[in-house]
Amino acid sequence: MKIKLITMAGPLSLATALMVAPMTSSAGYLTDSQGSVVRSGYGLCWEGIWSKPDFAEECGDKAPMAPAPAPVDGDADGDGVKDSKDKCPNTRPGAKVNADGCEIIDDVTINLVNDEFDFDSSALKDAMKSALDGIISMIKGTAGSEKLSVVGYTDSSGPEAYNQGLSERRAQSVADYMSANGVSASDMTVSGNGEANPVADNSTRDGRKKNRRVEIKSN
């Protein structure tokens, strides 16, 4: 093993306290058998290639700074979007938000109790248009950019294949009206689910009316 000889200027009695160390060690302070840093005759701490500590307060070293703790990425407004990605901080409590943390409208249904589609029809009635005007106004008033899913439905009367097409036409009627009144068509997807997923009993007249509906979901 290679060793490094240590020479120093100072009293001969101090030299007896010095030790040799492997050259493969990193830079540090020379210590004696008691673990104390060896000093020269001038009172200076001896440094070199030693397998000893590289930090000693008694030699004037300052304690190394502890690394700063990693920042905590919280959710200050409680909307489910981390603060680092939230483009709309301080969203009101309970509001539905998009991926950017910006408020969007809640899911809605063109509620077909008083404004149901007529049998075998996709034409929008005045009450439906009025309901859609309110939804359009809400969309324009929110901070976020909604992506809307417009889905049409029918009751169970008639052939299933025919009902599928009718449900798509109903959804398209709603999307066309919204697009004509300021909602971007590129922000809407339009589809029909035919007679699937009824919300009421198809064996009754009132139930069939409720099932002739259009649902609008936002994300």
Protein backbone atom coordinates (compact mmCIF):
# COMPACT_ATOMS: atom_id res chain seq x y z
CA MET A 1 0.00 0.00 0.00
CA LYS A 2 1.32 3.44 -0.89
CA ILE A 3 1.72 5.84 1.99
CA LYS A 4 2.38 9.51 2.23
CA LEU A 5 5.04 10.82 4.56
CA ILE A 6 4.17 13.94 6.46
CA THR A 7 6.70 16.64 7.12
CA MET A 8 6.10 19.87 8.90
CA ALA A 9 7.84 22.90 10.23
CA GLY A 10 7.44 23.01 13.95
CA PRO A 11 8.68 21.58 17.20
CA LEU A 12 10.11 18.10 16.92
CA SER A 13 7.85 16.90 19.75
CA LEU A 14 4.75 17.46 17.59
CA ALA A 15 6.07 15.19 14.83
CA THR A 16 5.69 12.16 17.07
CA ALA A 17 1.90 12.70 17.03
CA LEU A 18 1.66 12.53 13.26
CA MET A 19 0.47 9.38 11.48
CA VAL A 20 0.65 8.14 7.94
CA ALA A 21 -2.47 7.54 5.86
CA PRO A 22 -3.32 5.75 2.58
CA MET A 23 -3.16 7.99 -0.51
CA THR A 24 -6.39 6.48 -1.72
CA SER A 25 -8.33 8.45 0.91
CA SER A 26 -10.07 11.74 0.25
CA ALA A 27 -8.89 15.14 1.46
CA GLY A 28 -9.43 15.78 5.15
CA TYR A 29 -7.79 16.64 8.45
CA LEU A 30 -5.03 14.70 10.16
CA THR A 31 -6.09 13.43 13.58
CA ASP A 32 -4.17 11.82 16.40
CA SER A 33 -4.99 8.56 18.17
CA GLN A 34 -7.54 10.38 20.34
CA GLY A 35 -9.42 11.69 17.30
CA SER A 36 -8.26 15.28 17.80
CA VAL A 37 -7.15 17.34 14.82
CA VAL A 38 -3.37 17.70 14.75
CA ARG A 39 -2.05 21.26 14.56
CA SER A 40 1.28 22.58 13.41
CA GLY A 41 3.61 24.56 15.58
CA TYR A 42 1.85 27.62 14.25
CA GLY A 43 -1.52 26.40 15.47
CA LEU A 44 -2.84 25.53 12.03
CA CYS A 45 -4.90 22.43 11.37
CA TRP A 46 -3.10 19.94 9.17
CA GLU A 47 -4.88 19.03 5.96
CA GLY A 48 -3.96 16.45 3.36
CA ILE A 49 -4.98 13.11 1.87
CA TRP A 50 -6.26 11.46 5.00
CA SER A 51 -9.00 9.02 5.79
CA LYS A 52 -10.16 11.48 8.40
CA PRO A 53 -12.99 14.01 8.73
CA ASP A 54 -13.20 16.74 6.09
CA PHE A 55 -15.10 19.02 8.46
CA ALA A 56 -13.96 20.40 11.83
CA GLU A 57 -15.54 23.37 13.58
CA GLU A 58 -12.37 23.88 15.65
CA CYS A 59 -10.54 24.58 12.38
CA GLY A 60 -12.97 27.31 11.42
CA ASP A 61 -15.22 25.22 9.21
CA LYS A 62 -18.85 26.22 9.05
CA ALA A 63 -21.48 23.55 9.44
CA PRO A 64 -22.86 22.52 6.06
CA MET A 65 -26.29 23.89 5.26
CA ALA A 66 -29.09 21.36 5.38
CA PRO A 67 -30.84 21.01 2.02
CA ALA A 68 -34.04 23.00 1.77
CA PRO A 69 -37.11 20.81 2.16
CA ALA A 70 -38.94 20.05 -1.05
CA PRO A 71 -41.97 22.33 -1.49
CA VAL A 72 -45.30 20.78 -0.61
CA ASP A 73 -47.65 20.74 -3.58
CA GLY A 74 -50.97 21.23 -1.87
CA ASP A 75 -54.52 22.00 -2.92
CA ALA A 76 -55.36 25.28 -1.21
CA ASP A 77 -58.86 25.69 -2.64
CA GLY A 78 -59.79 22.02 -2.23
CA ASP A 79 -60.90 21.51 -5.83
CA GLY A 80 -58.87 18.33 -6.36
CA VAL A 81 -56.24 20.00 -8.58
CA LYS A 82 -52.71 20.49 -7.20
CA ASP A 83 -51.68 24.12 -6.70
CA SER A 84 -48.78 23.77 -9.16
CA LYS A 85 -51.25 22.91 -11.95
CA ASP A 86 -54.20 25.03 -10.83
CA LYS A 87 -54.75 27.85 -13.31
CA CYS A 88 -57.75 29.14 -11.37
CA PRO A 89 -56.85 29.33 -7.65
CA ASN A 90 -59.48 30.19 -5.05
CA THR A 91 -62.28 28.34 -6.83
CA ARG A 92 -65.50 28.54 -4.83
CA PRO A 93 -66.12 25.52 -2.58
CA GLY A 94 -67.98 22.66 -4.21
CA ALA A 95 -67.63 23.92 -7.77
CA LYS A 96 -67.00 21.41 -10.55
CA VAL A 97 -63.66 22.11 -12.24
CA ASN A 98 -61.77 20.92 -15.28
CA ALA A 99 -58.20 19.56 -15.36
CA ASP A 100 -56.83 23.11 -15.04
CA GLY A 101 -58.76 23.73 -11.81
CA CYS A 102 -61.13 26.19 -13.50
CA GLU A 103 -64.86 26.11 -12.78
CA ILE A 104 -67.16 24.52 -15.36
CA ILE A 105 -70.88 23.77 -15.40
CA ASP A 106 -72.33 20.76 -13.65
CA ASP A 107 -73.80 17.89 -15.65
CA VAL A 108 -77.33 18.77 -16.78
CA THR A 109 -80.29 17.05 -18.40
CA ILE A 110 -82.84 18.74 -20.60
CA ASN A 111 -85.46 17.64 -18.11
CA LEU A 112 -88.37 16.23 -20.01
CA VAL A 113 -91.27 16.69 -17.63
CA ASN A 114 -92.84 19.79 -19.12
CA ASP A 115 -90.61 20.15 -22.16
CA GLU A 116 -90.24 16.58 -23.43
CA PHE A 117 -89.62 15.77 -27.08
CA ASP A 118 -92.75 14.85 -28.92
CA PHE A 119 -93.12 11.23 -29.92
CA ASP A 120 -90.90 10.40 -32.90
CA SER A 121 -89.56 13.99 -32.98
CA SER A 122 -86.20 15.67 -32.55
CA ALA A 123 -87.56 19.22 -32.79
CA LEU A 124 -86.75 21.52 -29.88
CA LYS A 125 -89.74 23.13 -28.17
CA ASP A 126 -89.66 26.69 -26.86
CA ALA A 127 -89.27 25.47 -23.27
CA MET A 128 -86.27 23.37 -24.31
CA LYS A 129 -84.66 26.34 -26.02
CA SER A 130 -85.24 28.44 -22.94
CA ALA A 131 -83.56 25.78 -20.79
CA LEU A 132 -80.65 25.63 -23.22
CA ASP A 133 -80.32 29.43 -23.14
CA GLY A 134 -79.76 29.17 -19.38
CA ILE A 135 -77.13 26.48 -19.85
CA ILE A 136 -75.38 28.50 -22.55
CA SER A 137 -75.34 31.51 -20.24
CA MET A 138 -73.76 29.43 -17.47
CA ILE A 139 -71.11 28.10 -19.84
CA LYS A 140 -70.17 31.61 -20.91
CA GLY A 141 -70.00 32.68 -17.27
CA THR A 142 -67.58 29.99 -16.03
CA ALA A 143 -63.82 30.44 -15.90
CA GLY A 144 -62.97 27.11 -17.49
CA SER A 145 -63.30 25.78 -21.00
CA GLU A 146 -65.92 23.03 -20.94
CA LYS A 147 -65.72 19.93 -23.09
CA LEU A 148 -69.34 18.85 -23.46
CA SER A 149 -70.80 15.45 -24.16
CA VAL A 150 -74.32 15.74 -25.64
CA VAL A 151 -76.20 12.42 -25.52
CA GLY A 152 -79.73 11.76 -26.78
CA TYR A 153 -82.22 9.09 -25.62
CA THR A 154 -85.63 7.73 -26.58
CA ASP A 155 -88.31 5.66 -24.93
CA SER A 156 -88.71 1.98 -25.82
CA SER A 157 -91.48 2.45 -28.39
CA GLY A 158 -90.58 1.29 -31.90
CA PRO A 159 -87.64 -0.70 -33.30
CA GLU A 160 -84.36 -0.44 -31.42
CA ALA A 161 -82.37 0.50 -34.53
CA TYR A 162 -84.80 3.31 -35.35
CA ASN A 163 -84.63 4.60 -31.78
CA GLN A 164 -80.84 4.74 -32.02
CA GLY A 165 -81.02 7.10 -34.99
CA LEU A 166 -83.75 9.18 -33.33
CA SER A 167 -81.64 9.61 -30.18
CA GLU A 168 -78.73 10.83 -32.29
CA ARG A 169 -80.95 13.36 -34.07
CA ARG A 170 -82.22 14.69 -30.74
CA ALA A 171 -78.68 15.16 -29.48
CA GLN A 172 -77.69 16.88 -32.72
CA SER A 173 -80.64 19.29 -32.42
CA VAL A 174 -79.38 20.36 -29.01
CA ALA A 175 -75.76 20.68 -30.18
CA ASP A 176 -76.81 22.71 -33.25
CA TYR A 177 -78.81 25.13 -31.10
CA MET A 178 -75.95 25.59 -28.65
CA SER A 179 -73.45 26.08 -31.47
CA ALA A 180 -75.69 28.69 -33.10
CA ASN A 181 -75.74 30.57 -29.78
CA GLY A 182 -72.05 30.80 -29.04
CA VAL A 183 -70.86 27.39 -27.81
CA SER A 184 -68.00 26.08 -29.92
CA ALA A 185 -68.96 22.98 -31.90
CA SER A 186 -65.39 21.71 -31.44
CA ASP A 187 -66.02 21.57 -27.69
CA MET A 188 -68.97 19.19 -28.09
CA THR A 189 -69.21 15.50 -28.86
CA VAL A 190 -72.63 14.30 -30.00
CA SER A 191 -73.99 10.77 -29.64
CA GLY A 192 -77.16 8.79 -29.03
CA ASN A 193 -77.91 5.88 -26.73
CA GLY A 194 -81.28 4.97 -28.15
CA GLU A 195 -83.64 3.43 -25.60
CA ALA A 196 -80.82 2.39 -23.26
CA ASN A 197 -80.48 3.66 -19.69
CA PRO A 198 -84.10 4.71 -19.06
CA VAL A 199 -84.68 7.09 -16.16
CA ALA A 200 -88.35 6.15 -15.79
CA ASP A 201 -90.73 3.26 -16.39
CA ASN A 202 -91.33 2.74 -20.12
CA SER A 203 -94.60 0.94 -19.39
CA THR A 204 -96.30 4.22 -18.48
CA ARG A 205 -97.02 7.27 -20.61
CA ASP A 206 -95.34 9.65 -18.16
CA GLY A 207 -92.32 7.37 -17.89
CA ARG A 208 -91.87 7.27 -21.66
CA LYS A 209 -92.00 11.07 -21.77
CA LYS A 210 -89.17 11.33 -19.23
CA ASN A 211 -87.05 8.88 -21.17
CA ARG A 212 -87.23 11.07 -24.31
CA ARG A 213 -84.39 13.29 -23.17
CA VAL A 214 -80.95 14.78 -23.88
CA GLU A 215 -78.16 14.80 -21.29
CA ILE A 216 -75.22 17.21 -21.35
CA LYS A 217 -72.11 16.28 -19.35
CA SER A 218 -69.11 18.53 -18.84
CA ASN A 219 -65.44 17.76 -18.22
